[in-house]
Amino acid sequence: PSFLEDAAEEIMAFAKESRYTDATELWAKAKEEVTEILKQHEQPTDNFLTKKEFTLVQTLSEGLGELSEMISSRLVENLRRKNEALKQAAKRERSDPMATLV
């Protein structure tokens, strides 16, 4: 499918924009499509891929794996930062004597 050619770039763009839901949905769609193509290639049908196509699909599959790692790392880092900011805000609130009077 034609969308697979640009999928990696689009997933990367979504992740950079912190649009993780969009990135994950596109990643899942692309991964499912690549898996289906590889399954069809393994079946004894007329849908065999040429060596060049097979290499391209394998490279795409590996790239999707790397993208999933990148997305999860960015999510973990963003959540860690937000959690730390919440902890600091709670600490400031507890140390402010005026906060308890309100």
PDB file of N, CA and C in Angstrom:
ATOM      1  N   PRO A   1       0.818  -1.209   0.000  1.00  0.00           N
ATOM      2  CA  PRO A   1       0.000   0.000   0.000  1.00  0.00           C
ATOM      3  C   PRO A   1       0.858   1.268   0.000  1.00  0.00           C
ATOM      4  N   SER A   2       0.359   2.272  -0.606  1.00  0.00           N
ATOM      5  CA  SER A   2       1.132   3.499  -0.763  1.00  0.00           C
ATOM      6  C   SER A   2       1.391   4.216   0.566  1.00  0.00           C
ATOM      7  N   PHE A   3       0.483   4.076   1.529  1.00  0.00           N
ATOM      8  CA  PHE A   3       0.682   4.801   2.793  1.00  0.00           C
ATOM      9  C   PHE A   3       1.897   4.296   3.561  1.00  0.00           C
ATOM     10  N   LEU A   4       2.336   3.073   3.287  1.00  0.00           N
ATOM     11  CA  LEU A   4       3.488   2.527   3.998  1.00  0.00           C
ATOM     12  C   LEU A   4       4.776   3.279   3.684  1.00  0.00           C
ATOM     13  N   GLU A   5       4.856   3.835   2.477  1.00  0.00           N
ATOM     14  CA  GLU A   5       6.059   4.552   2.087  1.00  0.00           C
ATOM     15  C   GLU A   5       6.322   5.755   2.992  1.00  0.00           C
ATOM     16  N   ASP A   6       5.270   6.440   3.391  1.00  0.00           N
ATOM     17  CA  ASP A   6       5.402   7.646   4.203  1.00  0.00           C
ATOM     18  C   ASP A   6       5.086   7.419   5.668  1.00  0.00           C
ATOM     19  N   ALA A   7       4.723   6.205   6.032  1.00  0.00           N
ATOM     20  CA  ALA A   7       4.274   5.933   7.400  1.00  0.00           C
ATOM     21  C   ALA A   7       5.331   6.283   8.437  1.00  0.00           C
ATOM     22  N   ALA A   8       6.564   5.894   8.199  1.00  0.00           N
ATOM     23  CA  ALA A   8       7.620   6.149   9.187  1.00  0.00           C
ATOM     24  C   ALA A   8       7.806   7.646   9.423  1.00  0.00           C
ATOM     25  N   GLU A   9       7.811   8.422   8.352  1.00  0.00           N
ATOM     26  CA  GLU A   9       7.973   9.869   8.497  1.00  0.00           C
ATOM     27  C   GLU A   9       6.792  10.485   9.236  1.00  0.00           C
ATOM     28  N   GLU A  10       5.598  10.032   8.914  1.00  0.00           N
ATOM     29  CA  GLU A  10       4.414  10.571   9.572  1.00  0.00           C
ATOM     30  C   GLU A  10       4.384  10.204  11.052  1.00  0.00           C
ATOM     31  N   ILE A  11       4.757   8.972  11.373  1.00  0.00           N
ATOM     32  CA  ILE A  11       4.795   8.544  12.773  1.00  0.00           C
ATOM     33  C   ILE A  11       5.793   9.396  13.539  1.00  0.00           C
ATOM     34  N   MET A  12       6.961   9.618  12.940  1.00  0.00           N
ATOM     35  CA  MET A  12       7.988  10.439  13.582  1.00  0.00           C
ATOM     36  C   MET A  12       7.476  11.864  13.791  1.00  0.00           C
ATOM     37  N   ALA A  13       6.794  12.414  12.791  1.00  0.00           N
ATOM     38  CA  ALA A  13       6.259  13.775  12.914  1.00  0.00           C
ATOM     39  C   ALA A  13       5.213  13.854  14.024  1.00  0.00           C
ATOM     40  N   PHE A  14       4.312  12.863  14.078  1.00  0.00           N
ATOM     41  CA  PHE A  14       3.308  12.844  15.138  1.00  0.00           C
ATOM     42  C   PHE A  14       3.975  12.792  16.518  1.00  0.00           C
ATOM     43  N   ALA A  15       4.988  11.955  16.645  1.00  0.00           N
ATOM     44  CA  ALA A  15       5.668  11.822  17.938  1.00  0.00           C
ATOM     45  C   ALA A  15       6.360  13.126  18.325  1.00  0.00           C
ATOM     46  N   LYS A  16       6.992  13.788  17.358  1.00  0.00           N
ATOM     47  CA  LYS A  16       7.667  15.055  17.658  1.00  0.00           C
ATOM     48  C   LYS A  16       6.684  16.132  18.069  1.00  0.00           C
ATOM     49  N   GLU A  17       5.457  16.033  17.558  1.00  0.00           N
ATOM     50  CA  GLU A  17       4.415  16.993  17.917  1.00  0.00           C
ATOM     51  C   GLU A  17       3.670  16.570  19.186  1.00  0.00           C
ATOM     52  N   SER A  18       4.113  15.503  19.818  1.00  0.00           N
ATOM     53  CA  SER A  18       3.486  14.928  21.011  1.00  0.00           C
ATOM     54  C   SER A  18       2.065  14.456  20.736  1.00  0.00           C
ATOM     55  N   ARG A  19       1.809  14.037  19.519  1.00  0.00           N
ATOM     56  CA  ARG A  19       0.511  13.464  19.139  1.00  0.00           C
ATOM     57  C   ARG A  19       0.661  11.944  19.179  1.00  0.00           C
ATOM     58  N   TYR A  20       0.803  11.427  20.388  1.00  0.00           N
ATOM     59  CA  TYR A  20       1.127  10.018  20.568  1.00  0.00           C
ATOM     60  C   TYR A  20      -0.010   9.086  20.164  1.00  0.00           C
ATOM     61  N   THR A  21      -1.244   9.519  20.339  1.00  0.00           N
ATOM     62  CA  THR A  21      -2.373   8.680  19.934  1.00  0.00           C
ATOM     63  C   THR A  21      -2.354   8.481  18.423  1.00  0.00           C
ATOM     64  N   ASP A  22      -2.160   9.568  17.688  1.00  0.00           N
ATOM     65  CA  ASP A  22      -2.089   9.471  16.233  1.00  0.00           C
ATOM     66  C   ASP A  22      -0.895   8.628  15.800  1.00  0.00           C
ATOM     67  N   ALA A  23       0.241   8.844  16.453  1.00  0.00           N
ATOM     68  CA  ALA A  23       1.442   8.085  16.110  1.00  0.00           C
ATOM     69  C   ALA A  23       1.238   6.596  16.366  1.00  0.00           C
ATOM     70  N   THR A  24       0.632   6.265  17.491  1.00  0.00           N
ATOM     71  CA  THR A  24       0.406   4.866  17.845  1.00  0.00           C
ATOM     72  C   THR A  24      -0.593   4.207  16.907  1.00  0.00           C
ATOM     73  N   GLU A  25      -1.653   4.931  16.558  1.00  0.00           N
ATOM     74  CA  GLU A  25      -2.650   4.370  15.639  1.00  0.00           C
ATOM     75  C   GLU A  25      -2.038   4.102  14.267  1.00  0.00           C
ATOM     76  N   LEU A  26      -1.262   5.045  13.754  1.00  0.00           N
ATOM     77  CA  LEU A  26      -0.627   4.854  12.448  1.00  0.00           C
ATOM     78  C   LEU A  26       0.407   3.744  12.524  1.00  0.00           C
ATOM     79  N   TRP A  27       1.157   3.686  13.635  1.00  0.00           N
ATOM     80  CA  TRP A  27       2.145   2.625  13.811  1.00  0.00           C
ATOM     81  C   TRP A  27       1.459   1.257  13.789  1.00  0.00           C
ATOM     82  N   ALA A  28       0.350   1.127  14.517  1.00  0.00           N
ATOM     83  CA  ALA A  28      -0.366  -0.154  14.574  1.00  0.00           C
ATOM     84  C   ALA A  28      -0.894  -0.552  13.195  1.00  0.00           C
ATOM     85  N   LYS A  29      -1.427   0.418  12.472  1.00  0.00           N
ATOM     86  CA  LYS A  29      -1.937   0.147  11.121  1.00  0.00           C
ATOM     87  C   LYS A  29      -0.806  -0.304  10.196  1.00  0.00           C
ATOM     88  N   ALA A  30       0.312   0.395  10.247  1.00  0.00           N
ATOM     89  CA  ALA A  30       1.455   0.046   9.395  1.00  0.00           C
ATOM     90  C   ALA A  30       2.030  -1.311   9.786  1.00  0.00           C
ATOM     91  N   LYS A  31       2.150  -1.557  11.085  1.00  0.00           N
ATOM     92  CA  LYS A  31       2.704  -2.835  11.555  1.00  0.00           C
ATOM     93  C   LYS A  31       1.813  -3.995  11.125  1.00  0.00           C
ATOM     94  N   GLU A  32       0.506  -3.808  11.230  1.00  0.00           N
ATOM     95  CA  GLU A  32      -0.441  -4.843  10.818  1.00  0.00           C
ATOM     96  C   GLU A  32      -0.310  -5.114   9.315  1.00  0.00           C
ATOM     97  N   GLU A  33      -0.185  -4.071   8.529  1.00  0.00           N
ATOM     98  CA  GLU A  33      -0.071  -4.205   7.080  1.00  0.00           C
ATOM     99  C   GLU A  33       1.235  -4.918   6.698  1.00  0.00           C
ATOM    100  N   VAL A  34       2.333  -4.533   7.348  1.00  0.00           N
ATOM    101  CA  VAL A  34       3.623  -5.175   7.069  1.00  0.00           C
ATOM    102  C   VAL A  34       3.582  -6.645   7.459  1.00  0.00           C
ATOM    103  N   THR A  35       3.002  -6.942   8.594  1.00  0.00           N
ATOM    104  CA  THR A  35       2.886  -8.334   9.040  1.00  0.00           C
ATOM    105  C   THR A  35       2.064  -9.149   8.052  1.00  0.00           C
ATOM    106  N   GLU A  36       0.978  -8.567   7.570  1.00  0.00           N
ATOM    107  CA  GLU A  36       0.130  -9.264   6.588  1.00  0.00           C
ATOM    108  C   GLU A  36       0.886  -9.514   5.280  1.00  0.00           C
ATOM    109  N   ILE A  37       1.645  -8.529   4.845  1.00  0.00           N
ATOM    110  CA  ILE A  37       2.433  -8.701   3.615  1.00  0.00           C
ATOM    111  C   ILE A  37       3.445  -9.819   3.791  1.00  0.00           C
ATOM    112  N   LEU A  38       4.115  -9.846   4.933  1.00  0.00           N
ATOM    113  CA  LEU A  38       5.105 -10.897   5.180  1.00  0.00           C
ATOM    114  C   LEU A  38       4.446 -12.270   5.285  1.00  0.00           C
ATOM    115  N   LYS A  39       3.259 -12.339   5.874  1.00  0.00           N
ATOM    116  CA  LYS A  39       2.528 -13.612   5.951  1.00  0.00           C
ATOM    117  C   LYS A  39       2.168 -14.107   4.563  1.00  0.00           C
ATOM    118  N   GLN A  40       1.681 -13.201   3.714  1.00  0.00           N
ATOM    119  CA  GLN A  40       1.319 -13.583   2.353  1.00  0.00           C
ATOM    120  C   GLN A  40       2.542 -14.058   1.578  1.00  0.00           C
ATOM    121  N   HIS A  41       3.680 -13.451   1.851  1.00  0.00           N
ATOM    122  CA  HIS A  41       4.911 -13.845   1.168  1.00  0.00           C
ATOM    123  C   HIS A  41       5.321 -15.271   1.546  1.00  0.00           C
ATOM    124  N   GLU A  42       5.055 -15.642   2.797  1.00  0.00           N
ATOM    125  CA  GLU A  42       5.431 -16.973   3.279  1.00  0.00           C
ATOM    126  C   GLU A  42       4.490 -18.059   2.774  1.00  0.00           C
ATOM    127  N   GLN A  43       3.278 -17.687   2.382  1.00  0.00           N
ATOM    128  CA  GLN A  43       2.304 -18.658   1.891  1.00  0.00           C
ATOM    129  C   GLN A  43       2.603 -19.002   0.426  1.00  0.00           C
ATOM    130  N   PRO A  44       2.381 -20.236   0.048  1.00  0.00           N
ATOM    131  CA  PRO A  44       2.630 -20.617  -1.354  1.00  0.00           C
ATOM    132  C   PRO A  44       1.506 -20.128  -2.282  1.00  0.00           C
ATOM    133  N   THR A  45       1.563 -18.840  -2.611  1.00  0.00           N
ATOM    134  CA  THR A  45       0.580 -18.241  -3.517  1.00  0.00           C
ATOM    135  C   THR A  45       1.333 -17.459  -4.590  1.00  0.00           C
ATOM    136  N   ASP A  46       0.593 -16.721  -5.376  1.00  0.00           N
ATOM    137  CA  ASP A  46       1.199 -15.902  -6.416  1.00  0.00           C
ATOM    138  C   ASP A  46       1.668 -14.547  -5.883  1.00  0.00           C
ATOM    139  N   ASN A  47       1.524 -14.319  -4.588  1.00  0.00           N
ATOM    140  CA  ASN A  47       1.857 -13.027  -3.992  1.00  0.00           C
ATOM    141  C   ASN A  47       3.283 -12.951  -3.460  1.00  0.00           C
ATOM    142  N   PHE A  48       4.208 -13.644  -4.092  1.00  0.00           N
ATOM    143  CA  PHE A  48       5.589 -13.589  -3.624  1.00  0.00           C
ATOM    144  C   PHE A  48       6.192 -12.223  -3.911  1.00  0.00           C
ATOM    145  N   LEU A  49       7.002 -11.772  -2.983  1.00  0.00           N
ATOM    146  CA  LEU A  49       7.702 -10.506  -3.144  1.00  0.00           C
ATOM    147  C   LEU A  49       9.033 -10.772  -3.841  1.00  0.00           C
ATOM    148  N   THR A  50       9.478  -9.802  -4.609  1.00  0.00           N
ATOM    149  CA  THR A  50      10.822  -9.919  -5.165  1.00  0.00           C
ATOM    150  C   THR A  50      11.806  -9.733  -4.013  1.00  0.00           C
ATOM    151  N   LYS A  51      13.037 -10.069  -4.242  1.00  0.00           N
ATOM    152  CA  LYS A  51      14.050  -9.934  -3.189  1.00  0.00           C
ATOM    153  C   LYS A  51      14.146  -8.476  -2.725  1.00  0.00           C
ATOM    154  N   LYS A  52      14.087  -7.559  -3.685  1.00  0.00           N
ATOM    155  CA  LYS A  52      14.154  -6.133  -3.358  1.00  0.00           C
ATOM    156  C   LYS A  52      12.947  -5.718  -2.516  1.00  0.00           C
ATOM    157  N   GLU A  53      11.743  -6.149  -2.899  1.00  0.00           N
ATOM    158  CA  GLU A  53      10.539  -5.821  -2.145  1.00  0.00           C
ATOM    159  C   GLU A  53      10.583  -6.426  -0.748  1.00  0.00           C
ATOM    160  N   PHE A  54      11.047  -7.676  -0.666  1.00  0.00           N
ATOM    161  CA  PHE A  54      11.127  -8.347   0.624  1.00  0.00           C
ATOM    162  C   PHE A  54      12.090  -7.603   1.557  1.00  0.00           C
ATOM    163  N   THR A  55      13.229  -7.198   1.014  1.00  0.00           N
ATOM    164  CA  THR A  55      14.197  -6.445   1.808  1.00  0.00           C
ATOM    165  C   THR A  55      13.596  -5.126   2.268  1.00  0.00           C
ATOM    166  N   LEU A  56      12.863  -4.461   1.383  1.00  0.00           N
ATOM    167  CA  LEU A  56      12.221  -3.195   1.726  1.00  0.00           C
ATOM    168  C   LEU A  56      11.197  -3.380   2.843  1.00  0.00           C
ATOM    169  N   VAL A  57      10.396  -4.439   2.753  1.00  0.00           N
ATOM    170  CA  VAL A  57       9.386  -4.708   3.778  1.00  0.00           C
ATOM    171  C   VAL A  57      10.059  -5.057   5.108  1.00  0.00           C
ATOM    172  N   GLN A  58      11.129  -5.828   5.053  1.00  0.00           N
ATOM    173  CA  GLN A  58      11.848  -6.158   6.293  1.00  0.00           C
ATOM    174  C   GLN A  58      12.445  -4.909   6.930  1.00  0.00           C
ATOM    175  N   THR A  59      13.013  -4.043   6.106  1.00  0.00           N
ATOM    176  CA  THR A  59      13.581  -2.796   6.612  1.00  0.00           C
ATOM    177  C   THR A  59      12.490  -1.932   7.238  1.00  0.00           C
ATOM    178  N   LEU A  60      11.343  -1.894   6.593  1.00  0.00           N
ATOM    179  CA  LEU A  60      10.211  -1.146   7.130  1.00  0.00           C
ATOM    180  C   LEU A  60       9.763  -1.728   8.464  1.00  0.00           C
ATOM    181  N   SER A  61       9.730  -3.030   8.559  1.00  0.00           N
ATOM    182  CA  SER A  61       9.344  -3.697   9.800  1.00  0.00           C
ATOM    183  C   SER A  61      10.320  -3.353  10.929  1.00  0.00           C
ATOM    184  N   GLU A  62      11.605  -3.375  10.624  1.00  0.00           N
ATOM    185  CA  GLU A  62      12.614  -3.021  11.630  1.00  0.00           C
ATOM    186  C   GLU A  62      12.478  -1.551  12.027  1.00  0.00           C
ATOM    187  N   GLY A  63      12.215  -0.695  11.036  1.00  0.00           N
ATOM    188  CA  GLY A  63      12.023   0.728  11.322  1.00  0.00           C
ATOM    189  C   GLY A  63      10.830   0.966  12.215  1.00  0.00           C
ATOM    190  N   LEU A  64       9.766   0.195  11.993  1.00  0.00           N
ATOM    191  CA  LEU A  64       8.578   0.326  12.854  1.00  0.00           C
ATOM    192  C   LEU A  64       8.905  -0.092  14.282  1.00  0.00           C
ATOM    193  N   GLY A  65       9.743  -1.107  14.418  1.00  0.00           N
ATOM    194  CA  GLY A  65      10.173  -1.517  15.758  1.00  0.00           C
ATOM    195  C   GLY A  65      10.941  -0.411  16.453  1.00  0.00           C
ATOM    196  N   GLU A  66      11.831   0.247  15.721  1.00  0.00           N
ATOM    197  CA  GLU A  66      12.600   1.353  16.286  1.00  0.00           C
ATOM    198  C   GLU A  66      11.684   2.530  16.644  1.00  0.00           C
ATOM    199  N   LEU A  67      10.698   2.775  15.787  1.00  0.00           N
ATOM    200  CA  LEU A  67       9.756   3.866  16.067  1.00  0.00           C
ATOM    201  C   LEU A  67       8.933   3.588  17.316  1.00  0.00           C
ATOM    202  N   SER A  68       8.546   2.334  17.521  1.00  0.00           N
ATOM    203  CA  SER A  68       7.767   2.020  18.725  1.00  0.00           C
ATOM    204  C   SER A  68       8.615   2.251  19.972  1.00  0.00           C
ATOM    205  N   GLU A  69       9.900   1.921  19.887  1.00  0.00           N
ATOM    206  CA  GLU A  69      10.802   2.187  21.020  1.00  0.00           C
ATOM    207  C   GLU A  69      10.927   3.688  21.266  1.00  0.00           C
ATOM    208  N   MET A  70      11.044   4.465  20.192  1.00  0.00           N
ATOM    209  CA  MET A  70      11.185   5.905  20.314  1.00  0.00           C
ATOM    210  C   MET A  70       9.920   6.511  20.925  1.00  0.00           C
ATOM    211  N   ILE A  71       8.762   6.068  20.452  1.00  0.00           N
ATOM    212  CA  ILE A  71       7.499   6.593  20.980  1.00  0.00           C
ATOM    213  C   ILE A  71       7.375   6.264  22.463  1.00  0.00           C
ATOM    214  N   SER A  72       7.662   5.032  22.829  1.00  0.00           N
ATOM    215  CA  SER A  72       7.520   4.657  24.239  1.00  0.00           C
ATOM    216  C   SER A  72       8.530   5.403  25.109  1.00  0.00           C
ATOM    217  N   SER A  73       9.741   5.604  24.616  1.00  0.00           N
ATOM    218  CA  SER A  73      10.744   6.352  25.386  1.00  0.00           C
ATOM    219  C   SER A  73      10.306   7.793  25.602  1.00  0.00           C
ATOM    220  N   ARG A  74       9.772   8.402  24.549  1.00  0.00           N
ATOM    221  CA  ARG A  74       9.307   9.789  24.679  1.00  0.00           C
ATOM    222  C   ARG A  74       8.132   9.881  25.646  1.00  0.00           C
ATOM    223  N   LEU A  75       7.224   8.919  25.572  1.00  0.00           N
ATOM    224  CA  LEU A  75       6.083   8.921  26.496  1.00  0.00           C
ATOM    225  C   LEU A  75       6.553   8.772  27.940  1.00  0.00           C
ATOM    226  N   VAL A  76       7.468   7.843  28.165  1.00  0.00           N
ATOM    227  CA  VAL A  76       7.985   7.628  29.516  1.00  0.00           C
ATOM    228  C   VAL A  76       8.653   8.891  30.035  1.00  0.00           C
ATOM    229  N   GLU A  77       9.458   9.540  29.193  1.00  0.00           N
ATOM    230  CA  GLU A  77      10.147  10.755  29.612  1.00  0.00           C
ATOM    231  C   GLU A  77       9.158  11.883  29.902  1.00  0.00           C
ATOM    232  N   ASN A  78       8.154  12.046  29.054  1.00  0.00           N
ATOM    233  CA  ASN A  78       7.145  13.088  29.302  1.00  0.00           C
ATOM    234  C   ASN A  78       6.379  12.828  30.585  1.00  0.00           C
ATOM    235  N   LEU A  79       6.005  11.584  30.817  1.00  0.00           N
ATOM    236  CA  LEU A  79       5.294  11.254  32.052  1.00  0.00           C
ATOM    237  C   LEU A  79       6.179  11.452  33.277  1.00  0.00           C
ATOM    238  N   ARG A  80       7.458  11.118  33.155  1.00  0.00           N
ATOM    239  CA  ARG A  80       8.387  11.324  34.263  1.00  0.00           C
ATOM    240  C   ARG A  80       8.488  12.808  34.603  1.00  0.00           C
ATOM    241  N   ARG A  81       8.581  13.654  33.565  1.00  0.00           N
ATOM    242  CA  ARG A  81       8.674  15.104  33.787  1.00  0.00           C
ATOM    243  C   ARG A  81       7.407  15.643  34.438  1.00  0.00           C
ATOM    244  N   LYS A  82       6.252  15.211  33.944  1.00  0.00           N
ATOM    245  CA  LYS A  82       4.986  15.676  34.523  1.00  0.00           C
ATOM    246  C   LYS A  82       4.852  15.224  35.965  1.00  0.00           C
ATOM    247  N   ASN A  83       5.232  13.994  36.245  1.00  0.00           N
ATOM    248  CA  ASN A  83       5.170  13.476  37.615  1.00  0.00           C
ATOM    249  C   ASN A  83       6.087  14.286  38.532  1.00  0.00           C
ATOM    250  N   GLU A  84       7.284  14.591  38.057  1.00  0.00           N
ATOM    251  CA  GLU A  84       8.222  15.381  38.859  1.00  0.00           C
ATOM    252  C   GLU A  84       7.671  16.781  39.098  1.00  0.00           C
ATOM    253  N   ALA A  85       7.057  17.375  38.075  1.00  0.00           N
ATOM    254  CA  ALA A  85       6.471  18.712  38.243  1.00  0.00           C
ATOM    255  C   ALA A  85       5.336  18.684  39.258  1.00  0.00           C
ATOM    256  N   LEU A  86       4.512  17.639  39.231  1.00  0.00           N
ATOM    257  CA  LEU A  86       3.426  17.507  40.211  1.00  0.00           C
ATOM    258  C   LEU A  86       3.975  17.338  41.624  1.00  0.00           C
ATOM    259  N   LYS A  87       5.038  16.568  41.752  1.00  0.00           N
ATOM    260  CA  LYS A  87       5.661  16.391  43.077  1.00  0.00           C
ATOM    261  C   LYS A  87       6.180  17.721  43.610  1.00  0.00           C
ATOM    262  N   GLN A  88       6.846  18.484  42.724  1.00  0.00           N
ATOM    263  CA  GLN A  88       7.387  19.783  43.146  1.00  0.00           C
ATOM    264  C   GLN A  88       6.266  20.747  43.524  1.00  0.00           C
ATOM    265  N   ALA A  89       5.173  20.736  42.761  1.00  0.00           N
ATOM    266  CA  ALA A  89       4.041  21.611  43.070  1.00  0.00           C
ATOM    267  C   ALA A  89       3.428  21.224  44.413  1.00  0.00           C
ATOM    268  N   ALA A  90       3.295  19.942  44.670  1.00  0.00           N
ATOM    269  CA  ALA A  90       2.739  19.481  45.945  1.00  0.00           C
ATOM    270  C   ALA A  90       3.665  19.860  47.095  1.00  0.00           C
ATOM    271  N   LYS A  91       4.960  19.753  46.870  1.00  0.00           N
ATOM    272  CA  LYS A  91       5.935  20.101  47.905  1.00  0.00           C
ATOM    273  C   LYS A  91       5.853  21.603  48.218  1.00  0.00           C
ATOM    274  N   ARG A  92       5.751  22.428  47.184  1.00  0.00           N
ATOM    275  CA  ARG A  92       5.632  23.878  47.388  1.00  0.00           C
ATOM    276  C   ARG A  92       4.340  24.207  48.138  1.00  0.00           C
ATOM    277  N   GLU A  93       3.268  23.526  47.775  1.00  0.00           N
ATOM    278  CA  GLU A  93       1.983  23.787  48.410  1.00  0.00           C
ATOM    279  C   GLU A  93       2.022  23.424  49.895  1.00  0.00           C
ATOM    280  N   ARG A  94       2.675  22.298  50.222  1.00  0.00           N
ATOM    281  CA  ARG A  94       2.761  21.894  51.638  1.00  0.00           C
ATOM    282  C   ARG A  94       3.653  22.838  52.440  1.00  0.00           C
ATOM    283  N   SER A  95       4.671  23.411  51.793  1.00  0.00           N
ATOM    284  CA  SER A  95       5.587  24.282  52.526  1.00  0.00           C
ATOM    285  C   SER A  95       5.074  25.715  52.649  1.00  0.00           C
ATOM    286  N   ASP A  96       4.014  26.060  51.921  1.00  0.00           N
ATOM    287  CA  ASP A  96       3.457  27.416  51.974  1.00  0.00           C
ATOM    288  C   ASP A  96       2.460  27.489  53.137  1.00  0.00           C
ATOM    289  N   PRO A  97       2.766  28.274  54.160  1.00  0.00           N
ATOM    290  CA  PRO A  97       1.868  28.338  55.328  1.00  0.00           C
ATOM    291  C   PRO A  97       0.526  28.987  54.995  1.00  0.00           C
ATOM    292  N   MET A  98       0.484  29.822  53.972  1.00  0.00           N
ATOM    293  CA  MET A  98      -0.774  30.474  53.603  1.00  0.00           C
ATOM    294  C   MET A  98      -1.733  29.516  52.899  1.00  0.00           C
ATOM    295  N   ALA A  99      -1.209  28.449  52.328  1.00  0.00           N
ATOM    296  CA  ALA A  99      -2.054  27.506  51.614  1.00  0.00           C
ATOM    297  C   ALA A  99      -2.992  26.786  52.567  1.00  0.00           C
ATOM    298  N   THR A 100      -2.585  26.549  53.813  1.00  0.00           N
ATOM    299  CA  THR A 100      -3.426  25.829  54.760  1.00  0.00           C
ATOM    300  C   THR A 100      -4.542  26.707  55.312  1.00  0.00           C
ATOM    301  N   LEU A 101      -4.374  28.027  55.257  1.00  0.00           N
ATOM    302  CA  LEU A 101      -5.392  28.916  55.779  1.00  0.00           C
ATOM    303  C   LEU A 101      -6.577  29.079  54.837  1.00  0.00           C
ATOM    304  N   VAL A 102      -6.405  28.819  53.593  1.00  0.00           N
ATOM    305  CA  VAL A 102      -7.477  29.051  52.613  1.00  0.00           C
ATOM    306  C   VAL A 102      -8.401  27.896  52.537  1.00  0.00           C
TER     307      VAL A 102
END
